[in-house]
């Protein structure tokens, strides 16, 4: 996946077509929430700055389905850090997410607020980052959009090496794959 291309496309569209709807989310009740290219870029850039400040370690994304999840993924692309998507934790999931954090070498956990990560006992080295809130209806973005060359971020991005591994399957499946790999090596 060429994340640099996706990041540059987002920023270009935010400049050229700011009012165009980039994403829509339909919740279980049928309500539709949308986000324009400009809103996505503004929120993703704000989050990308925080992610870049934590260093090049992967970011665990524990946002529920919806537009905040999209913001978090694009922020990872813009910051040049790998994103590791996972379902938001439930009480029983804390152990699973702790193993993902250790396995992936996560440097930050991105969520929609303190509740999704409150069940996790994060190491002091792992930053807790919250997705910036959506602007109020009729509100305008709070940031000027930069030229899409990543110069506004606090460090040189590594977007070519960013990846989006998936931990959506159970950890048992991952352990089985690792055991098969070990067996084939030995």
Foldseek 3Di string as FASTA:
>chain_A
DQLLVVLLVLLVCCVVPVAAWDDWDQDPVRDIDTHGSVQLNLLLCVLLQVVLVLPQAEEEEAEAPDDLSVSPCNNCLLNQHAYEYEHQDDLVCQVVVVVVCVVRVAQEYEYQDCVSCVSHDDDPRYHYHHRDDGDDVVDDRDDDRDNSPSPVHPDDHNNRPHYYDYPHDGVVVVVVVVVVVVVVVD
